[in-house]
C-alpha atoms as a PDB file:
ATOM      1  CA  MET A   1    -108.296-162.860  -9.743  1.00  0.00           C
ATOM      2  CA  LEU A   2    -105.386-163.345 -12.149  1.00  0.00           C
ATOM      3  CA  THR A   3    -107.723-162.919 -15.139  1.00  0.00           C
ATOM      4  CA  LYS A   4    -108.998-159.610 -13.732  1.00  0.00           C
ATOM      5  CA  THR A   5    -105.420-158.372 -13.166  1.00  0.00           C
ATOM      6  CA  VAL A   6    -104.392-159.349 -16.712  1.00  0.00           C
ATOM      7  CA  GLY A   7    -107.523-157.613 -18.069  1.00  0.00           C
ATOM      8  CA  VAL A   8    -106.695-154.365 -16.244  1.00  0.00           C
ATOM      9  CA  GLN A   9    -103.059-154.598 -17.336  1.00  0.00           C
ATOM     10  CA  THR A  10    -104.133-155.200 -20.945  1.00  0.00           C
ATOM     11  CA  LYS A  11    -106.496-152.205 -20.886  1.00  0.00           C
ATOM     12  CA  LYS A  12    -103.763-149.943 -19.507  1.00  0.00           C
ATOM     13  CA  ALA A  13    -101.316-151.240 -22.104  1.00  0.00           C
ATOM     14  CA  ALA A  14    -103.857-150.662 -24.894  1.00  0.00           C
ATOM     15  CA  LEU A  15    -104.547-147.085 -23.792  1.00  0.00           C
ATOM     16  CA  GLY A  16    -100.835-146.339 -23.378  1.00  0.00           C
ATOM     17  CA  SER A  17    -100.028-147.859 -26.754  1.00  0.00           C
ATOM     18  CA  ALA A  18    -102.793-145.888 -28.456  1.00  0.00           C
ATOM     19  CA  ALA A  19    -101.538-142.637 -26.947  1.00  0.00           C
ATOM     20  CA  PHE A  20     -97.946-143.437 -27.918  1.00  0.00           C
ATOM     21  CA  PHE A  21     -99.104-144.396 -31.441  1.00  0.00           C
ATOM     22  CA  VAL A  22    -100.622-140.946 -31.929  1.00  0.00           C
ATOM     23  CA  LEU A  23     -97.623-139.114 -30.458  1.00  0.00           C
ATOM     24  CA  ALA A  24     -94.609-141.007 -31.832  1.00  0.00           C
ATOM     25  CA  PRO A  25     -95.447-142.481 -35.255  1.00  0.00           C
ATOM     26  CA  GLY A  26     -98.202-139.904 -35.668  1.00  0.00           C
ATOM     27  CA  GLY A  27     -95.709-137.104 -35.154  1.00  0.00           C
ATOM     28  CA  VAL A  28     -92.783-138.576 -37.080  1.00  0.00           C
ATOM     29  CA  ALA A  29     -94.740-140.020 -40.020  1.00  0.00           C
ATOM     30  CA  GLY A  30     -97.750-137.713 -40.006  1.00  0.00           C
ATOM     31  CA  LEU A  31     -97.268-134.266 -38.494  1.00  0.00           C
ATOM     32  CA  VAL A  32     -93.703-133.587 -39.668  1.00  0.00           C
ATOM     33  CA  PRO A  33     -94.343-134.687 -43.285  1.00  0.00           C
ATOM     34  CA  TRP A  34     -97.421-132.467 -43.293  1.00  0.00           C
ATOM     35  CA  LEU A  35     -95.404-129.532 -41.910  1.00  0.00           C
ATOM     36  CA  LEU A  36     -92.730-130.100 -44.574  1.00  0.00           C
ATOM     37  CA  THR A  37     -95.094-130.483 -47.533  1.00  0.00           C
ATOM     38  CA  GLY A  38     -98.604-129.422 -46.590  1.00  0.00           C
ATOM     39  CA  TRP A  39     -99.405-132.781 -48.212  1.00  0.00           C
ATOM     40  CA  ARG A  40     -99.349-131.026 -51.590  1.00  0.00           C
ATOM     41  CA  MET A  41     -98.784-133.209 -54.639  1.00  0.00           C
ATOM     42  CA  GLU A  42     -95.911-132.440 -56.975  1.00  0.00           C
ATOM     43  CA  ARG A  43     -94.818-134.123 -60.203  1.00  0.00           C
ATOM     44  CA  PRO A  44     -90.987-134.242 -60.042  1.00  0.00           C
ATOM     45  CA  LEU A  45     -90.989-136.264 -63.288  1.00  0.00           C
ATOM     46  CA  PRO A  46     -93.544-136.294 -66.132  1.00  0.00           C
ATOM     47  CA  ALA A  47     -94.409-139.987 -65.643  1.00  0.00           C
ATOM     48  CA  TRP A  48     -94.713-139.977 -61.840  1.00  0.00           C
ATOM     49  CA  LEU A  49     -98.004-141.923 -61.663  1.00  0.00           C
ATOM     50  CA  PRO A  50     -96.395-145.405 -61.285  1.00  0.00           C
ATOM     51  CA  PHE A  51     -94.390-144.095 -58.323  1.00  0.00           C
ATOM     52  CA  GLN A  52     -97.589-142.783 -56.764  1.00  0.00           C
ATOM     53  CA  VAL A  53     -99.238-146.198 -57.111  1.00  0.00           C
ATOM     54  CA  ILE A  54     -96.205-147.838 -55.476  1.00  0.00           C
ATOM     55  CA  GLY A  55     -96.414-145.214 -52.739  1.00  0.00           C
ATOM     56  CA  VAL A  56    -100.035-146.104 -51.965  1.00  0.00           C
ATOM     57  CA  VAL A  57     -99.126-149.798 -51.715  1.00  0.00           C
ATOM     58  CA  VAL A  58     -96.197-148.945 -49.422  1.00  0.00           C
ATOM     59  CA  LEU A  59     -98.427-146.757 -47.221  1.00  0.00           C
ATOM     60  CA  VAL A  60    -101.115-149.420 -46.817  1.00  0.00           C
ATOM     61  CA  GLY A  61     -98.566-152.168 -46.047  1.00  0.00           C
ATOM     62  CA  ALA A  62     -96.605-149.995 -43.623  1.00  0.00           C
ATOM     63  CA  LEU A  63     -99.724-148.983 -41.719  1.00  0.00           C
ATOM     64  CA  ALA A  64    -100.766-152.645 -41.396  1.00  0.00           C
ATOM     65  CA  VAL A  65     -97.318-153.605 -40.062  1.00  0.00           C
ATOM     66  CA  LEU A  66     -97.291-150.670 -37.643  1.00  0.00           C
ATOM     67  CA  ILE A  67    -100.740-151.383 -36.206  1.00  0.00           C
ATOM     68  CA  SER A  68     -99.997-155.096 -35.895  1.00  0.00           C
ATOM     69  CA  SER A  69     -96.676-154.414 -34.174  1.00  0.00           C
ATOM     70  CA  PHE A  70     -98.255-152.005 -31.695  1.00  0.00           C
ATOM     71  CA  ALA A  71    -100.971-154.565 -30.928  1.00  0.00           C
ATOM     72  CA  ARG A  72     -98.266-157.165 -30.185  1.00  0.00           C
ATOM     73  CA  PHE A  73     -96.961-155.020 -27.343  1.00  0.00           C
ATOM     74  CA  VAL A  74    -100.406-155.105 -25.740  1.00  0.00           C
ATOM     75  CA  THR A  75    -101.330-158.751 -26.344  1.00  0.00           C
ATOM     76  CA  GLU A  76     -97.927-160.402 -26.061  1.00  0.00           C
ATOM     77  CA  GLY A  77     -95.804-158.026 -24.010  1.00  0.00           C
ATOM     78  CA  PHE A  78     -98.483-156.619 -21.669  1.00  0.00           C
ATOM     79  CA  GLY A  79     -96.951-153.176 -22.075  1.00  0.00           C
ATOM     80  CA  THR A  80     -96.373-150.460 -24.616  1.00  0.00           C
ATOM     81  CA  PRO A  81     -93.616-149.543 -27.066  1.00  0.00           C
ATOM     82  CA  ALA A  82     -93.125-146.333 -25.062  1.00  0.00           C
ATOM     83  CA  PRO A  83     -89.951-146.330 -22.955  1.00  0.00           C
ATOM     84  CA  VAL A  84     -91.950-145.089 -19.944  1.00  0.00           C
ATOM     85  CA  ALA A  85     -94.196-148.194 -19.932  1.00  0.00           C
ATOM     86  CA  PRO A  86     -92.176-151.056 -21.452  1.00  0.00           C
ATOM     87  CA  PRO A  87     -93.546-154.571 -21.892  1.00  0.00           C
ATOM     88  CA  ASP A  88     -93.260-157.189 -19.153  1.00  0.00           C
ATOM     89  CA  ARG A  89     -92.389-159.873 -21.700  1.00  0.00           C
ATOM     90  CA  LEU A  90     -90.099-159.823 -24.726  1.00  0.00           C
ATOM     91  CA  VAL A  91     -92.198-159.286 -27.860  1.00  0.00           C
ATOM     92  CA  ILE A  92     -91.065-161.812 -30.487  1.00  0.00           C
ATOM     93  CA  GLY A  93     -94.258-162.761 -32.340  1.00  0.00           C
ATOM     94  CA  GLY A  94     -95.822-161.614 -35.585  1.00  0.00           C
ATOM     95  CA  PHE A  95     -93.533-159.406 -37.662  1.00  0.00           C
ATOM     96  CA  TYR A  96     -90.961-159.568 -34.855  1.00  0.00           C
ATOM     97  CA  ARG A  97     -90.197-163.129 -36.005  1.00  0.00           C
ATOM     98  CA  HIS A  98     -88.874-161.655 -39.266  1.00  0.00           C
ATOM     99  CA  VAL A  99     -87.116-158.476 -38.139  1.00  0.00           C
ATOM    100  CA  ARG A 100     -86.314-156.915 -34.755  1.00  0.00           C
ATOM    101  CA  ASN A 101     -87.455-153.403 -35.691  1.00  0.00           C
ATOM    102  CA  PRO A 102     -90.716-153.657 -37.647  1.00  0.00           C
ATOM    103  CA  MET A 103     -92.134-150.457 -36.145  1.00  0.00           C
ATOM    104  CA  TYR A 104     -89.175-148.346 -37.200  1.00  0.00           C
ATOM    105  CA  LEU A 105     -89.241-149.897 -40.672  1.00  0.00           C
ATOM    106  CA  ALA A 106     -92.978-149.227 -40.906  1.00  0.00           C
ATOM    107  CA  VAL A 107     -92.578-145.571 -39.886  1.00  0.00           C
ATOM    108  CA  LEU A 108     -89.772-145.127 -42.431  1.00  0.00           C
ATOM    109  CA  SER A 109     -91.958-146.795 -45.054  1.00  0.00           C
ATOM    110  CA  LEU A 110     -94.798-144.389 -44.234  1.00  0.00           C
ATOM    111  CA  ILE A 111     -92.445-141.479 -44.883  1.00  0.00           C
ATOM    112  CA  ILE A 112     -91.153-142.986 -48.145  1.00  0.00           C
ATOM    113  CA  GLY A 113     -94.698-143.878 -49.214  1.00  0.00           C
ATOM    114  CA  GLN A 114     -95.752-140.266 -48.723  1.00  0.00           C
ATOM    115  CA  ALA A 115     -92.700-139.062 -50.649  1.00  0.00           C
ATOM    116  CA  LEU A 116     -93.771-141.254 -53.561  1.00  0.00           C
ATOM    117  CA  VAL A 117     -97.481-140.411 -53.440  1.00  0.00           C
ATOM    118  CA  LEU A 118     -96.896-136.697 -53.043  1.00  0.00           C
ATOM    119  CA  GLY A 119     -93.830-136.483 -55.265  1.00  0.00           C
ATOM    120  CA  GLN A 120     -92.183-134.479 -52.489  1.00  0.00           C
ATOM    121  CA  LEU A 121     -88.462-135.187 -52.649  1.00  0.00           C
ATOM    122  CA  VAL A 122     -87.849-133.388 -49.332  1.00  0.00           C
ATOM    123  CA  LEU A 123     -89.470-136.388 -47.643  1.00  0.00           C
ATOM    124  CA  PHE A 124     -86.709-138.679 -48.918  1.00  0.00           C
ATOM    125  CA  LEU A 125     -84.149-136.466 -47.165  1.00  0.00           C
ATOM    126  CA  TYR A 126     -86.319-136.402 -44.048  1.00  0.00           C
ATOM    127  CA  GLY A 127     -86.584-140.204 -44.210  1.00  0.00           C
ATOM    128  CA  ALA A 128     -82.785-140.488 -44.323  1.00  0.00           C
ATOM    129  CA  LEU A 129     -82.475-138.301 -41.211  1.00  0.00           C
ATOM    130  CA  VAL A 130     -85.158-140.289 -39.386  1.00  0.00           C
ATOM    131  CA  SER A 131     -83.434-143.518 -40.397  1.00  0.00           C
ATOM    132  CA  ALA A 132     -80.149-142.357 -38.863  1.00  0.00           C
ATOM    133  CA  ALA A 133     -81.923-141.304 -35.674  1.00  0.00           C
ATOM    134  CA  PHE A 134     -83.712-144.654 -35.419  1.00  0.00           C
ATOM    135  CA  ALA A 135     -80.489-146.611 -35.969  1.00  0.00           C
ATOM    136  CA  ALA A 136     -78.718-144.626 -33.255  1.00  0.00           C
ATOM    137  CA  MET A 137     -81.589-145.028 -30.791  1.00  0.00           C
ATOM    138  CA  VAL A 138     -81.770-148.779 -31.372  1.00  0.00           C
ATOM    139  CA  ARG A 139     -78.008-149.275 -31.095  1.00  0.00           C
ATOM    140  CA  TRP A 140     -77.291-147.145 -28.050  1.00  0.00           C
ATOM    141  CA  HIS A 141     -80.542-147.213 -26.102  1.00  0.00           C
ATOM    142  CA  GLU A 142     -82.946-150.014 -26.986  1.00  0.00           C
ATOM    143  CA  GLU A 143     -80.606-152.954 -27.486  1.00  0.00           C
ATOM    144  CA  PRO A 144     -78.713-152.389 -24.202  1.00  0.00           C
ATOM    145  CA  ALA A 145     -82.019-151.887 -22.342  1.00  0.00           C
ATOM    146  CA  LEU A 146     -83.468-155.100 -23.804  1.00  0.00           C
ATOM    147  CA  ARG A 147     -80.324-157.025 -22.865  1.00  0.00           C
ATOM    148  CA  ARG A 148     -80.643-155.761 -19.285  1.00  0.00           C
ATOM    149  CA  SER A 149     -84.370-156.521 -19.084  1.00  0.00           C
ATOM    150  CA  PHE A 150     -84.544-159.883 -20.851  1.00  0.00           C
ATOM    151  CA  GLY A 151     -80.985-161.256 -20.666  1.00  0.00           C
ATOM    152  CA  ASP A 152     -80.248-164.502 -22.493  1.00  0.00           C
ATOM    153  CA  LYS A 153     -83.694-164.606 -24.108  1.00  0.00           C
ATOM    154  CA  TYR A 154     -83.007-161.295 -25.868  1.00  0.00           C
ATOM    155  CA  VAL A 155     -79.450-162.311 -26.767  1.00  0.00           C
ATOM    156  CA  ALA A 156     -80.748-165.476 -28.484  1.00  0.00           C
ATOM    157  CA  TYR A 157     -83.405-163.437 -30.293  1.00  0.00           C
ATOM    158  CA  HIS A 158     -80.862-160.772 -31.313  1.00  0.00           C
ATOM    159  CA  GLU A 159     -78.556-163.417 -32.757  1.00  0.00           C
ATOM    160  CA  ALA A 160     -81.330-165.149 -34.717  1.00  0.00           C
ATOM    161  CA  VAL A 161     -83.380-162.241 -36.083  1.00  0.00           C
ATOM    162  CA  PRO A 162     -81.850-159.399 -38.123  1.00  0.00           C
ATOM    163  CA  GLY A 163     -82.413-155.818 -37.056  1.00  0.00           C
ATOM    164  CA  TRP A 164     -83.205-154.149 -40.354  1.00  0.00           C
ATOM    165  CA  ILE A 165     -83.470-156.595 -43.265  1.00  0.00           C
ATOM    166  CA  PRO A 166     -86.328-159.052 -42.659  1.00  0.00           C
ATOM    167  CA  ARG A 167     -85.821-162.803 -42.747  1.00  0.00           C
ATOM    168  CA  LEU A 168     -87.915-164.586 -45.342  1.00  0.00           C
ATOM    169  CA  ARG A 169     -88.811-167.407 -42.964  1.00  0.00           C
ATOM    170  CA  PRO A 170     -90.043-166.559 -39.475  1.00  0.00           C
ATOM    171  CA  TRP A 171     -87.741-167.347 -36.583  1.00  0.00           C
ATOM    172  CA  ARG A 172     -88.999-170.052 -34.256  1.00  0.00           C
ATOM    173  CA  PRO A 173     -87.549-169.955 -30.749  1.00  0.00           C
ATOM    174  CA  SER A 174     -86.304-173.293 -29.495  1.00  0.00           C
END
């Protein structure tokens, strides 16, 4: 019976995470950049091609991190990243062993990657605004909520894993 309950919970978490993926990162890193640029390519400098290549690499890496991090919420946390359906367990595996906010960093990287590929400098400004919003949300909403939900386990994690600059070696809980 427990296996059936976990299976149903996992399916709900997967559906919720997929919906949130489309709405949140899809809106912030997809819809808004498209509205700002129409995804038109510019050449702000004559030799912009190397920046475009870097942008493609950043986009591919960021998408991989984002998908992996979303999947962690389903498989490890049995919930979603959405505040309305949070995980039952603290998610500390995968990229979360290197940095506490891999999803936010991935979304910011998607914006910067598009700025580089498209040569649209407005996306750098947009990325700075999104970065400030993410930092405020983490500081004043997410961290206090995680402390309330997971107590000492989150405090130990918070002390060991940086929020924004990834550790080179993954954290291993004791």
